[in-house]
N, C-alpha and C. Protein backbone atom coordinates (compact mmCIF):
# COMPACT_ATOMS: atom_id res chain seq x y z
N MET A 1 187.16 -8.83 -29.87
CA MET A 1 186.75 -9.15 -28.70
C MET A 1 185.81 -9.93 -28.34
N HIS A 2 184.63 -10.20 -29.56
CA HIS A 2 183.87 -11.07 -29.75
C HIS A 2 184.66 -12.55 -29.46
N ASN A 3 185.66 -12.94 -30.35
CA ASN A 3 186.42 -13.94 -30.26
C ASN A 3 186.86 -14.34 -28.92
N VAL A 4 187.10 -13.29 -28.03
CA VAL A 4 187.79 -13.56 -26.17
C VAL A 4 186.27 -14.18 -25.78
N ARG A 5 185.44 -13.19 -26.00
CA ARG A 5 184.17 -13.79 -25.32
C ARG A 5 183.45 -15.13 -25.20
N ILE A 6 183.84 -15.69 -26.73
CA ILE A 6 183.32 -16.94 -27.11
C ILE A 6 184.37 -18.18 -26.35
N GLY A 7 185.71 -17.85 -26.82
CA GLY A 7 186.95 -18.50 -25.79
C GLY A 7 186.64 -18.61 -24.27
N ALA A 8 185.92 -17.26 -23.79
CA ALA A 8 186.08 -17.43 -22.34
C ALA A 8 185.01 -18.84 -21.84
N LEU A 9 183.75 -18.44 -22.40
CA LEU A 9 182.52 -19.31 -22.56
C LEU A 9 182.94 -20.67 -22.85
N LEU A 10 183.46 -20.89 -23.92
CA LEU A 10 184.04 -22.37 -23.94
C LEU A 10 184.66 -22.99 -22.96
N ALA A 11 185.74 -21.79 -22.53
CA ALA A 11 186.36 -22.74 -21.34
C ALA A 11 186.17 -22.52 -20.01
N VAL A 12 184.69 -21.87 -19.87
CA VAL A 12 183.86 -22.21 -18.80
C VAL A 12 182.99 -23.94 -18.89
N PHE A 13 182.50 -23.94 -20.20
CA PHE A 13 181.72 -25.06 -20.48
C PHE A 13 182.37 -26.23 -20.27
N PHE A 14 183.73 -26.11 -20.79
CA PHE A 14 184.66 -27.63 -21.05
C PHE A 14 185.56 -27.65 -19.70
N TRP A 15 185.80 -26.94 -18.99
CA TRP A 15 186.47 -27.09 -18.00
C TRP A 15 186.24 -28.17 -16.77
N PRO A 16 184.94 -28.42 -16.61
CA PRO A 16 184.61 -29.58 -15.75
C PRO A 16 184.99 -30.59 -16.07
N SER A 17 184.49 -30.93 -17.56
CA SER A 17 185.14 -32.31 -18.24
C SER A 17 186.52 -32.51 -18.32
N LEU A 18 187.13 -31.45 -18.72
CA LEU A 18 188.66 -31.62 -18.56
C LEU A 18 189.36 -31.68 -17.30
N VAL A 19 188.74 -31.19 -15.90
CA VAL A 19 189.16 -31.56 -14.90
C VAL A 19 188.81 -32.97 -14.58
N PHE A 20 187.81 -33.16 -14.88
CA PHE A 20 187.34 -34.73 -14.69
C PHE A 20 188.21 -35.72 -15.09
N SER A 21 188.47 -35.47 -16.75
CA SER A 21 189.46 -36.23 -17.33
C SER A 21 190.85 -36.34 -16.79
N ALA A 22 191.44 -35.41 -16.18
CA ALA A 22 192.59 -35.25 -15.60
C ALA A 22 192.77 -35.95 -14.27
N GLU A 23 191.52 -35.80 -13.83
CA GLU A 23 191.45 -36.57 -12.21
C GLU A 23 191.31 -38.08 -12.16
N GLN A 24 190.40 -38.54 -13.63
CA GLN A 24 189.85 -39.80 -13.79
C GLN A 24 191.16 -40.93 -13.21
N PRO A 25 192.57 -41.02 -14.10
CA PRO A 25 193.29 -41.94 -13.98
C PRO A 25 193.52 -42.00 -12.12
N HIS A 26 193.68 -40.68 -11.49
CA HIS A 26 194.00 -40.82 -9.99
C HIS A 26 192.73 -41.76 -9.21
N ALA A 27 191.59 -41.34 -9.75
CA ALA A 27 190.81 -41.60 -9.13
C ALA A 27 190.42 -43.28 -9.22
N ALA A 28 190.26 -43.53 -10.32
CA ALA A 28 190.18 -45.01 -10.63
C ALA A 28 191.21 -45.92 -9.88
N GLU A 29 192.54 -45.63 -9.68
CA GLU A 29 193.41 -46.08 -8.88
C GLU A 29 193.14 -46.03 -7.61
N ILE A 30 192.59 -45.20 -7.07
CA ILE A 30 191.91 -45.15 -5.70
C ILE A 30 191.05 -46.04 -5.18
N ALA A 31 190.39 -46.17 -6.16
CA ALA A 31 189.19 -47.25 -6.12
C ALA A 31 189.36 -48.63 -6.59
N LYS A 32 190.55 -48.81 -7.37
CA LYS A 32 190.62 -50.02 -7.28
C LYS A 32 191.45 -50.45 -5.86
N THR A 33 192.21 -49.76 -5.57
CA THR A 33 193.15 -49.74 -4.23
C THR A 33 192.11 -50.05 -3.42
N LYS A 34 190.71 -49.44 -3.03
CA LYS A 34 189.75 -50.06 -1.99
C LYS A 34 189.04 -51.14 -2.15
N ALA A 35 189.00 -51.07 -3.62
CA ALA A 35 188.29 -52.13 -3.70
C ALA A 35 188.79 -53.80 -3.36
N LYS A 36 190.26 -53.66 -3.60
CA LYS A 36 191.07 -54.89 -3.23
C LYS A 36 191.08 -54.93 -1.54
N THR A 37 191.01 -54.06 -0.79
CA THR A 37 190.79 -54.05 0.47
C THR A 37 189.53 -54.29 0.99
N LEU A 38 188.37 -53.86 0.40
CA LEU A 38 187.54 -54.37 0.61
C LEU A 38 186.92 -55.59 0.37
N GLU A 39 187.65 -56.33 -0.90
CA GLU A 39 187.15 -57.57 -1.31
C GLU A 39 187.87 -58.47 -0.48
N GLN A 40 189.04 -58.24 0.25
CA GLN A 40 189.58 -59.16 1.14
C GLN A 40 189.00 -58.92 2.55
N GLY A 41 188.48 -57.73 2.84
CA GLY A 41 187.76 -58.04 4.05
C GLY A 41 186.58 -58.82 4.11
N ILE A 42 186.07 -59.11 2.93
CA ILE A 42 184.71 -59.84 2.75
C ILE A 42 185.39 -61.06 2.78
N VAL A 43 186.25 -61.58 2.18
CA VAL A 43 186.77 -62.95 2.59
C VAL A 43 187.49 -63.16 3.69
N THR A 44 187.69 -61.96 4.44
CA THR A 44 188.05 -62.60 5.84
C THR A 44 187.29 -61.87 7.13
N ASP A 45 185.55 -61.93 6.56
CA ASP A 45 184.67 -61.88 7.21
C ASP A 45 184.90 -60.30 8.62
N ALA A 46 185.28 -59.48 7.64
CA ALA A 46 185.72 -58.20 8.45
C ALA A 46 184.50 -57.59 8.80
N GLU A 47 184.44 -56.58 10.06
CA GLU A 47 183.51 -55.91 10.16
C GLU A 47 183.07 -54.96 8.50
N ASN A 48 182.08 -54.33 8.98
CA ASN A 48 181.86 -53.10 7.77
C ASN A 48 182.64 -52.78 7.83
N PRO A 49 182.97 -52.14 6.38
CA PRO A 49 184.10 -51.16 5.97
C PRO A 49 184.21 -49.69 6.59
N SER A 50 185.74 -49.19 6.88
CA SER A 50 185.30 -48.19 7.48
C SER A 50 185.04 -47.02 6.43
N SER A 51 184.90 -45.50 6.71
CA SER A 51 184.15 -44.73 5.77
C SER A 51 185.64 -44.63 4.80
N SER A 52 186.40 -44.65 5.48
CA SER A 52 187.80 -44.33 4.19
C SER A 52 187.85 -44.94 3.22
N SER A 53 187.58 -46.42 3.64
CA SER A 53 188.17 -47.19 2.48
C SER A 53 186.53 -47.88 1.47
N THR A 54 185.49 -47.13 1.67
CA THR A 54 184.39 -47.16 1.01
C THR A 54 184.75 -46.15 -0.30
N ILE A 55 184.21 -47.09 -1.41
CA ILE A 55 184.50 -46.49 -2.80
C ILE A 55 183.51 -45.87 -3.18
N THR A 56 183.78 -43.93 -3.54
CA THR A 56 182.77 -43.22 -3.60
C THR A 56 182.42 -43.71 -5.05
N LYS A 57 181.14 -42.72 -5.21
CA LYS A 57 180.38 -42.69 -6.98
C LYS A 57 181.11 -42.04 -8.00
N THR A 58 182.09 -41.17 -7.76
CA THR A 58 183.12 -40.33 -8.75
C THR A 58 184.35 -41.34 -8.61
N GLU A 59 184.96 -42.07 -7.89
CA GLU A 59 185.89 -42.95 -8.10
C GLU A 59 185.75 -44.40 -8.90
N ALA A 60 184.13 -44.77 -8.60
CA ALA A 60 183.76 -45.80 -9.21
C ALA A 60 183.84 -45.63 -10.57
N ARG A 61 183.36 -44.24 -10.98
CA ARG A 61 182.95 -43.79 -11.94
C ARG A 61 184.16 -43.86 -12.93
N ALA A 62 185.15 -43.49 -12.36
CA ALA A 62 186.57 -43.50 -12.99
C ALA A 62 187.32 -44.81 -13.58
N VAL A 63 186.85 -45.89 -13.13
CA VAL A 63 187.12 -47.35 -13.49
C VAL A 63 186.34 -47.83 -14.46
N ASP A 64 187.13 -48.18 -15.52
CA ASP A 64 186.87 -48.86 -16.81
C ASP A 64 185.47 -48.09 -17.35
N PRO A 65 185.81 -46.86 -17.79
CA PRO A 65 184.27 -45.97 -18.35
C PRO A 65 183.73 -46.16 -19.28
N ASP A 66 184.51 -46.94 -20.39
CA ASP A 66 183.60 -47.29 -21.59
C ASP A 66 183.31 -49.08 -21.79
N GLY A 67 184.05 -49.66 -20.12
CA GLY A 67 183.43 -51.27 -20.48
C GLY A 67 184.35 -52.28 -20.90
N LYS A 68 185.66 -51.65 -21.52
CA LYS A 68 186.65 -52.35 -22.47
C LYS A 68 188.10 -52.96 -21.59
N LYS A 69 188.23 -52.40 -20.61
CA LYS A 69 189.31 -52.49 -19.88
C LYS A 69 189.52 -53.89 -19.67
N SER A 70 190.64 -54.42 -19.38
CA SER A 70 190.80 -55.86 -19.55
C SER A 70 190.38 -56.31 -17.67
N LEU A 71 189.81 -57.45 -17.62
CA LEU A 71 189.20 -57.83 -16.15
C LEU A 71 190.54 -57.88 -15.28
N ASN A 72 190.96 -56.98 -14.29
CA ASN A 72 192.11 -57.11 -13.51
C ASN A 72 191.69 -56.46 -12.44
N ASP A 73 190.09 -56.06 -11.90
CA ASP A 73 190.30 -55.53 -10.61
C ASP A 73 188.58 -55.90 -10.38
N PRO A 74 188.71 -55.86 -9.30
CA PRO A 74 187.16 -55.95 -8.68
C PRO A 74 185.99 -55.54 -8.95
N ILE A 75 186.10 -54.30 -9.22
CA ILE A 75 185.18 -53.39 -9.92
C ILE A 75 184.51 -53.83 -11.03
N THR A 76 185.76 -54.01 -12.00
CA THR A 76 185.50 -54.30 -13.21
C THR A 76 184.85 -55.50 -13.97
N CYS A 77 185.27 -56.63 -12.73
CA CYS A 77 184.95 -58.09 -12.89
C CYS A 77 183.45 -58.24 -12.67
N LEU A 78 183.32 -57.40 -11.53
CA LEU A 78 181.76 -57.65 -10.70
C LEU A 78 180.64 -56.55 -11.52
N SER A 79 181.33 -55.36 -12.51
CA SER A 79 180.45 -54.77 -12.83
C SER A 79 180.09 -55.36 -14.10
N ARG A 80 181.10 -56.12 -14.72
CA ARG A 80 180.73 -56.98 -15.86
C ARG A 80 179.97 -58.05 -15.91
N THR A 81 179.76 -58.44 -14.84
CA THR A 81 179.40 -59.71 -14.77
C THR A 81 177.79 -59.49 -14.55
N ILE A 82 177.74 -58.45 -13.61
CA ILE A 82 176.32 -57.44 -13.48
C ILE A 82 175.68 -57.36 -14.69
N TYR A 83 176.02 -56.72 -15.43
CA TYR A 83 175.98 -55.98 -17.05
C TYR A 83 175.56 -57.43 -17.70
N TRP A 84 176.50 -58.29 -17.46
CA TRP A 84 176.33 -59.37 -18.84
C TRP A 84 175.57 -60.27 -18.50
N GLU A 85 174.93 -60.45 -17.21
CA GLU A 85 174.32 -61.43 -16.51
C GLU A 85 172.90 -60.84 -16.65
N ALA A 86 172.59 -59.54 -16.25
CA ALA A 86 171.14 -59.17 -16.20
C ALA A 86 171.08 -57.62 -16.62
N ARG A 87 172.10 -57.18 -17.95
CA ARG A 87 171.88 -55.58 -18.37
C ARG A 87 170.28 -55.29 -18.65
N SER A 88 169.69 -56.35 -19.14
CA SER A 88 168.14 -55.95 -19.68
C SER A 88 167.23 -56.22 -18.30
N GLN A 89 167.56 -56.36 -17.31
CA GLN A 89 166.61 -56.62 -16.06
C GLN A 89 166.53 -55.50 -15.33
N LYS A 90 165.68 -55.24 -14.37
CA LYS A 90 165.45 -54.25 -13.23
C LYS A 90 166.58 -54.43 -12.39
N THR A 91 166.74 -53.12 -11.98
CA THR A 91 167.77 -52.98 -10.88
C THR A 91 167.93 -53.85 -9.81
N ALA A 92 166.92 -54.40 -9.30
CA ALA A 92 166.71 -55.51 -8.05
C ALA A 92 167.53 -56.54 -8.41
N GLU A 93 167.10 -56.97 -9.84
CA GLU A 93 167.92 -58.35 -10.46
C GLU A 93 169.11 -58.05 -10.50
N MET A 94 169.54 -56.96 -11.05
CA MET A 94 170.98 -56.84 -11.30
C MET A 94 171.58 -56.96 -10.00
N GLU A 95 170.84 -56.46 -8.69
CA GLU A 95 171.59 -56.73 -7.44
C GLU A 95 171.55 -57.95 -6.98
N ALA A 96 170.75 -58.92 -7.37
CA ALA A 96 171.05 -60.27 -6.88
C ALA A 96 171.78 -60.86 -7.68
N ILE A 97 172.45 -60.67 -8.89
CA ILE A 97 173.53 -61.27 -9.36
C ILE A 97 174.83 -60.51 -8.43
N ALA A 98 174.81 -59.58 -8.31
CA ALA A 98 175.95 -59.24 -7.51
C ALA A 98 175.77 -59.61 -6.26
N SER A 99 174.59 -60.11 -5.53
CA SER A 99 174.82 -60.68 -4.08
C SER A 99 175.42 -62.09 -4.35
N VAL A 100 175.31 -62.59 -5.65
CA VAL A 100 175.63 -64.22 -6.11
C VAL A 100 177.07 -64.38 -5.61
N VAL A 101 177.71 -63.27 -6.42
CA VAL A 101 179.18 -63.18 -6.77
C VAL A 101 179.76 -62.78 -5.12
N MET A 102 179.07 -62.08 -4.03
CA MET A 102 179.49 -61.66 -3.07
C MET A 102 179.25 -62.64 -2.09
N ASN A 103 178.52 -63.58 -2.38
CA ASN A 103 178.10 -64.60 -1.34
C ASN A 103 179.15 -65.46 -1.56
N ARG A 104 179.57 -65.63 -2.80
CA ARG A 104 180.85 -66.95 -3.45
C ARG A 104 182.07 -66.33 -2.75
N LEU A 105 181.96 -65.44 -2.65
CA LEU A 105 183.59 -64.40 -2.58
C LEU A 105 183.70 -64.48 -1.13
N SER A 106 182.62 -65.06 -0.18
CA SER A 106 182.70 -64.72 1.50
C SER A 106 182.69 -66.29 1.79
N HIS A 107 182.69 -67.20 0.60
CA HIS A 107 182.07 -68.68 1.12
C HIS A 107 183.73 -69.76 0.53
N SER A 108 184.09 -70.46 1.67
CA SER A 108 184.99 -71.07 1.26
C SER A 108 185.42 -72.45 -0.01
N ASP A 109 183.89 -72.26 -0.66
CA ASP A 109 184.10 -73.48 -1.55
C ASP A 109 184.20 -72.48 -3.03
N PHE A 110 184.88 -71.26 -3.29
CA PHE A 110 184.92 -70.56 -4.02
C PHE A 110 186.24 -69.79 -4.09
N PRO A 111 186.56 -69.19 -4.94
CA PRO A 111 187.87 -68.52 -5.25
C PRO A 111 187.68 -67.17 -4.28
N ASP A 112 188.64 -66.71 -3.93
CA ASP A 112 188.94 -65.49 -2.91
C ASP A 112 188.93 -64.12 -3.53
N THR A 113 189.09 -64.11 -4.45
CA THR A 113 188.69 -62.64 -5.68
C THR A 113 187.89 -62.88 -6.25
N ILE A 114 186.94 -61.76 -6.32
CA ILE A 114 186.18 -61.71 -7.63
C ILE A 114 186.44 -61.97 -8.96
N CYS A 115 187.49 -61.40 -9.06
CA CYS A 115 187.83 -61.76 -10.67
C CYS A 115 188.06 -63.49 -10.55
N ASP A 116 189.07 -64.26 -10.12
CA ASP A 116 188.64 -65.49 -9.68
C ASP A 116 186.92 -66.22 -9.72
N VAL A 117 186.65 -65.37 -9.39
CA VAL A 117 184.84 -65.88 -8.66
C VAL A 117 184.19 -66.10 -9.89
N VAL A 118 184.36 -64.96 -11.11
CA VAL A 118 183.45 -64.94 -12.20
C VAL A 118 183.95 -65.67 -13.21
N THR A 119 185.24 -66.02 -13.44
CA THR A 119 186.04 -66.92 -14.17
C THR A 119 186.37 -67.97 -14.02
N GLU A 120 185.68 -68.26 -13.01
CA GLU A 120 185.94 -70.02 -12.44
C GLU A 120 185.30 -71.00 -13.76
N GLY A 121 186.22 -71.64 -13.90
CA GLY A 121 185.77 -72.90 -14.61
C GLY A 121 185.98 -72.42 -16.31
N SER A 122 186.71 -71.45 -16.53
CA SER A 122 187.07 -70.95 -18.08
C SER A 122 188.06 -72.06 -18.19
N GLU A 123 189.00 -72.12 -17.44
CA GLU A 123 190.36 -73.08 -17.96
C GLU A 123 189.63 -74.66 -18.62
N GLN A 124 188.68 -75.25 -17.99
CA GLN A 124 187.85 -76.16 -18.35
C GLN A 124 186.82 -76.06 -19.56
N GLY A 125 186.49 -75.04 -19.58
CA GLY A 125 185.38 -75.02 -20.51
C GLY A 125 184.09 -74.77 -20.05
N THR A 126 184.02 -74.72 -18.62
CA THR A 126 182.68 -74.96 -18.06
C THR A 126 182.32 -73.71 -17.32
N CYS A 127 182.40 -72.48 -17.69
CA CYS A 127 182.59 -71.01 -16.76
C CYS A 127 181.12 -70.93 -15.77
N GLN A 128 181.31 -70.84 -14.64
CA GLN A 128 180.31 -70.26 -13.86
C GLN A 128 179.56 -69.32 -14.03
N PHE A 129 179.92 -68.64 -14.76
CA PHE A 129 179.16 -67.00 -15.25
C PHE A 129 179.41 -67.37 -16.60
N SER A 130 177.86 -67.50 -17.87
CA SER A 130 177.88 -68.27 -18.94
C SER A 130 178.64 -67.16 -19.76
N TRP A 131 178.68 -65.55 -19.30
CA TRP A 131 178.91 -64.32 -20.38
C TRP A 131 180.35 -64.44 -20.53
N TRP A 132 181.02 -65.28 -19.73
CA TRP A 132 182.61 -65.07 -19.71
C TRP A 132 183.14 -66.15 -20.76
N CYS A 133 182.28 -67.21 -20.87
CA CYS A 133 182.69 -68.48 -22.11
C CYS A 133 181.77 -68.35 -23.22
N ASP A 134 180.76 -67.12 -23.57
CA ASP A 134 180.05 -67.20 -24.30
C ASP A 134 180.72 -66.88 -25.83
N GLY A 135 181.70 -66.47 -26.06
CA GLY A 135 182.47 -65.96 -27.12
C GLY A 135 181.84 -65.13 -27.73
N HIS A 136 181.14 -64.11 -26.83
CA HIS A 136 180.36 -62.52 -27.96
C HIS A 136 181.39 -61.63 -27.55
N PRO A 137 181.13 -60.65 -28.58
CA PRO A 137 181.85 -59.66 -27.88
C PRO A 137 181.27 -58.52 -26.79
N ASP A 138 182.29 -58.24 -25.87
CA ASP A 138 181.85 -57.42 -24.80
C ASP A 138 181.61 -55.94 -24.85
N LYS A 139 180.95 -55.54 -25.58
CA LYS A 139 180.88 -54.08 -25.99
C LYS A 139 179.58 -53.82 -24.94
N ALA A 140 180.05 -52.78 -24.00
CA ALA A 140 178.69 -52.45 -22.98
C ALA A 140 178.01 -51.25 -23.40
N ASP A 141 176.58 -51.14 -23.56
CA ASP A 141 176.02 -50.08 -23.26
C ASP A 141 176.12 -49.09 -22.14
N GLU A 142 176.53 -47.76 -22.36
CA GLU A 142 176.87 -46.91 -21.48
C GLU A 142 176.09 -46.96 -20.26
N GLU A 143 174.64 -46.69 -20.57
CA GLU A 143 174.11 -46.42 -19.33
C GLU A 143 173.63 -47.63 -18.34
N SER A 144 173.48 -48.75 -19.30
CA SER A 144 173.44 -49.92 -18.28
C SER A 144 174.66 -50.27 -17.53
N TYR A 145 175.72 -49.80 -18.21
CA TYR A 145 176.95 -50.16 -17.65
C TYR A 145 177.23 -49.44 -16.15
N THR A 146 176.55 -48.11 -16.48
CA THR A 146 176.93 -46.98 -15.48
C THR A 146 176.02 -47.64 -14.03
N ILE A 147 174.93 -48.35 -14.60
CA ILE A 147 174.15 -48.66 -13.40
C ILE A 147 174.54 -49.62 -12.73
N ALA A 148 175.15 -50.63 -13.59
CA ALA A 148 176.11 -52.03 -13.01
C ALA A 148 177.22 -51.60 -12.16
N LYS A 149 177.92 -50.45 -12.39
CA LYS A 149 179.01 -50.32 -11.98
C LYS A 149 178.72 -49.70 -10.52
N GLU A 150 177.68 -48.92 -10.33
CA GLU A 150 177.07 -48.29 -9.02
C GLU A 150 176.56 -49.31 -8.09
N ILE A 151 176.14 -50.66 -8.61
CA ILE A 151 175.93 -51.52 -8.24
C ILE A 151 176.82 -52.59 -7.53
N ALA A 152 177.59 -52.50 -8.33
CA ALA A 152 178.93 -53.12 -7.75
C ALA A 152 179.53 -52.41 -6.76
N ARG A 153 179.80 -50.96 -7.01
CA ARG A 153 180.20 -50.15 -5.92
C ARG A 153 179.43 -50.58 -4.46
N ARG A 154 178.12 -50.17 -4.54
CA ARG A 154 177.75 -50.80 -3.38
C ARG A 154 177.62 -51.94 -2.65
N ALA A 155 177.96 -52.94 -3.85
CA ALA A 155 178.29 -54.39 -3.30
C ALA A 155 179.81 -54.52 -2.53
N LEU A 156 180.44 -53.74 -3.14
CA LEU A 156 181.97 -54.25 -2.58
C LEU A 156 181.72 -53.32 -0.96
N ASN A 157 181.25 -52.03 -1.04
CA ASN A 157 181.26 -51.28 0.24
C ASN A 157 180.25 -52.09 1.14
N GLN A 158 179.85 -53.06 1.09
CA GLN A 158 178.84 -53.85 1.83
C GLN A 158 177.63 -52.93 2.10
N GLN A 159 177.00 -52.41 1.04
CA GLN A 159 175.49 -51.65 1.38
C GLN A 159 174.66 -52.23 0.67
N LEU A 160 174.79 -53.33 0.06
CA LEU A 160 173.50 -53.74 -0.75
C LEU A 160 172.53 -54.96 0.48
N THR A 161 171.33 -55.14 0.27
CA THR A 161 170.51 -56.07 0.74
C THR A 161 170.51 -57.32 0.09
N ASP A 162 170.85 -58.40 0.54
CA ASP A 162 170.89 -59.61 -0.33
C ASP A 162 169.44 -60.14 0.01
N ARG A 163 168.70 -59.78 -1.61
CA ARG A 163 167.62 -60.61 -1.53
C ARG A 163 167.48 -62.20 -1.39
N THR A 164 168.62 -62.69 -2.07
CA THR A 164 168.79 -63.76 -2.49
C THR A 164 168.79 -65.12 -1.35
N GLN A 165 168.78 -64.52 -0.22
CA GLN A 165 169.30 -65.02 1.33
C GLN A 165 170.47 -65.75 1.09
N GLY A 166 171.38 -65.42 0.53
CA GLY A 166 173.02 -66.56 0.84
C GLY A 166 172.79 -67.18 -0.31
N ALA A 167 172.31 -66.88 -1.83
CA ALA A 167 172.22 -67.98 -2.88
C ALA A 167 173.58 -67.84 -3.31
N THR A 168 174.15 -69.11 -3.85
CA THR A 168 175.62 -68.95 -4.49
C THR A 168 175.37 -69.51 -5.91
N PHE A 169 173.95 -70.17 -6.09
CA PHE A 169 174.09 -70.23 -7.87
C PHE A 169 172.78 -69.46 -7.96
N PHE A 170 172.45 -69.45 -9.55
CA PHE A 170 171.17 -69.23 -10.65
C PHE A 170 171.36 -69.50 -11.44
N HIS A 171 170.18 -69.58 -12.18
CA HIS A 171 170.02 -69.78 -13.73
C HIS A 171 168.61 -69.05 -14.37
N HIS A 172 168.75 -68.95 -15.41
CA HIS A 172 167.78 -68.29 -16.60
C HIS A 172 166.41 -68.88 -16.16
N ARG A 173 165.28 -68.60 -16.44
CA ARG A 173 164.27 -69.24 -16.29
C ARG A 173 164.11 -70.61 -17.70
N GLU A 174 164.23 -69.93 -18.70
CA GLU A 174 164.63 -70.72 -19.87
C GLU A 174 165.48 -72.27 -19.80
N ILE A 175 165.95 -72.03 -19.02
CA ILE A 175 167.05 -73.36 -18.84
C ILE A 175 166.78 -74.06 -17.44
N SER A 176 167.09 -75.20 -17.34
CA SER A 176 166.60 -75.82 -16.19
C SER A 176 167.92 -77.21 -15.60
N PRO A 177 169.06 -76.69 -15.41
CA PRO A 177 170.19 -77.72 -15.11
C PRO A 177 170.01 -78.42 -14.02
N GLU A 178 170.77 -79.50 -14.22
CA GLU A 178 170.44 -80.97 -13.22
C GLU A 178 170.88 -80.40 -11.58
N TRP A 179 171.66 -79.38 -11.59
CA TRP A 179 171.93 -79.33 -10.03
C TRP A 179 170.88 -78.70 -9.42
N SER A 180 170.12 -78.10 -10.04
CA SER A 180 168.93 -76.95 -9.74
C SER A 180 168.32 -77.91 -8.77
N THR A 181 167.85 -79.24 -8.82
CA THR A 181 166.95 -80.38 -8.15
C THR A 181 167.56 -80.16 -6.47
N LYS A 182 169.25 -80.33 -6.90
CA LYS A 182 169.95 -80.57 -5.47
C LYS A 182 169.69 -79.53 -4.45
N PHE A 183 169.55 -78.11 -4.61
CA PHE A 183 170.00 -77.14 -4.01
C PHE A 183 168.75 -76.66 -3.76
N ILE A 184 168.68 -75.53 -2.79
CA ILE A 184 167.57 -75.15 -1.92
C ILE A 184 167.22 -73.96 -3.03
N LYS A 185 165.62 -73.58 -3.62
CA LYS A 185 165.66 -72.33 -4.13
C LYS A 185 165.32 -71.21 -3.15
N THR A 186 165.80 -70.32 -3.15
CA THR A 186 166.04 -69.09 -2.19
C THR A 186 165.01 -67.91 -2.60
N PHE A 187 165.08 -67.46 -4.13
CA PHE A 187 164.63 -66.33 -4.39
C PHE A 187 164.38 -66.43 -6.11
N GLU A 188 163.40 -65.74 -6.44
CA GLU A 188 163.02 -65.50 -7.83
C GLU A 188 162.77 -64.12 -8.26
N ILE A 189 163.38 -63.53 -9.07
CA ILE A 189 163.10 -62.44 -9.72
C ILE A 189 163.36 -62.30 -10.87
N GLY A 190 162.35 -61.71 -11.59
CA GLY A 190 162.49 -61.84 -13.58
C GLY A 190 162.74 -63.01 -14.11
N ALA A 191 163.84 -62.74 -14.70
CA ALA A 191 164.07 -63.78 -15.72
C ALA A 191 165.23 -64.98 -14.76
N HIS A 192 165.36 -64.85 -13.60
CA HIS A 192 166.40 -65.52 -13.07
C HIS A 192 165.73 -66.30 -11.04
N ILE A 193 166.46 -67.30 -11.40
CA ILE A 193 165.80 -68.11 -10.19
C ILE A 193 167.27 -68.40 -9.20
N PHE A 194 167.24 -68.32 -7.91
CA PHE A 194 168.57 -68.51 -7.22
C PHE A 194 168.33 -69.59 -6.28
N TYR A 195 169.65 -70.02 -5.91
CA TYR A 195 169.81 -71.12 -4.89
C TYR A 195 170.93 -70.94 -4.24
N LYS A 196 170.64 -72.20 -3.28
CA LYS A 196 171.82 -72.30 -2.55
C LYS A 196 171.81 -73.96 -2.16
N PRO A 197 173.42 -74.66 -1.79
CA PRO A 197 173.25 -75.74 -1.50
C PRO A 197 172.72 -76.18 -0.20
N GLU A 198 172.17 -77.63 0.07
CA GLU A 198 172.12 -77.71 1.61
C GLU A 198 172.83 -77.79 2.38
N ALA A 199 172.28 -77.25 3.76
CA ALA A 199 173.39 -77.23 4.69
C ALA A 199 173.97 -78.39 4.94
N THR A 200 175.08 -78.36 5.47
CA THR A 200 175.80 -79.95 5.95
C THR A 200 176.35 -79.91 7.39
N GLU A 201 175.97 -80.94 7.86
CA GLU A 201 176.18 -81.29 9.18
C GLU A 201 177.79 -80.77 9.52
């Protein structure tokens, strides 16, 4: 009888995690599908997404939970970029990195998918986002990566405020790239400075 009670208690304790594990692949696929729809809506300058296409926290959490999957969907590509460019910074700074990616996505001078935006230049060895070409192993810390994924979710849902004022470039304070003198500085936060090109006639 004692063993039966222990078994029942264990079943109650582990049941929620078992249910989540079973639902995880389905939720991840839903999130990826929604993310691609939202991504293309941003490219085509569609209105704010409908509630049926917005990604939920549960759905986003199911995508690439350990930060080790291949970069082949918008949530993973955006989350990894946010994480690796600003993982040790405050949430507002991570959000600013997300805004740069989203601003590039909506700009005609840049690729029309998030994964292409964040990996641009890798074929020439001049990556636009340094983490993609740094040669370091990409093993994410779970707590910070969870924050990055939530920011990515909100960015795709068009729920972030763009503090960068439309920036499409940024750099770390410890470096001074040549291009920075040709662009308009729009925002500074923590370790990063943000820019956008001057308006053309």
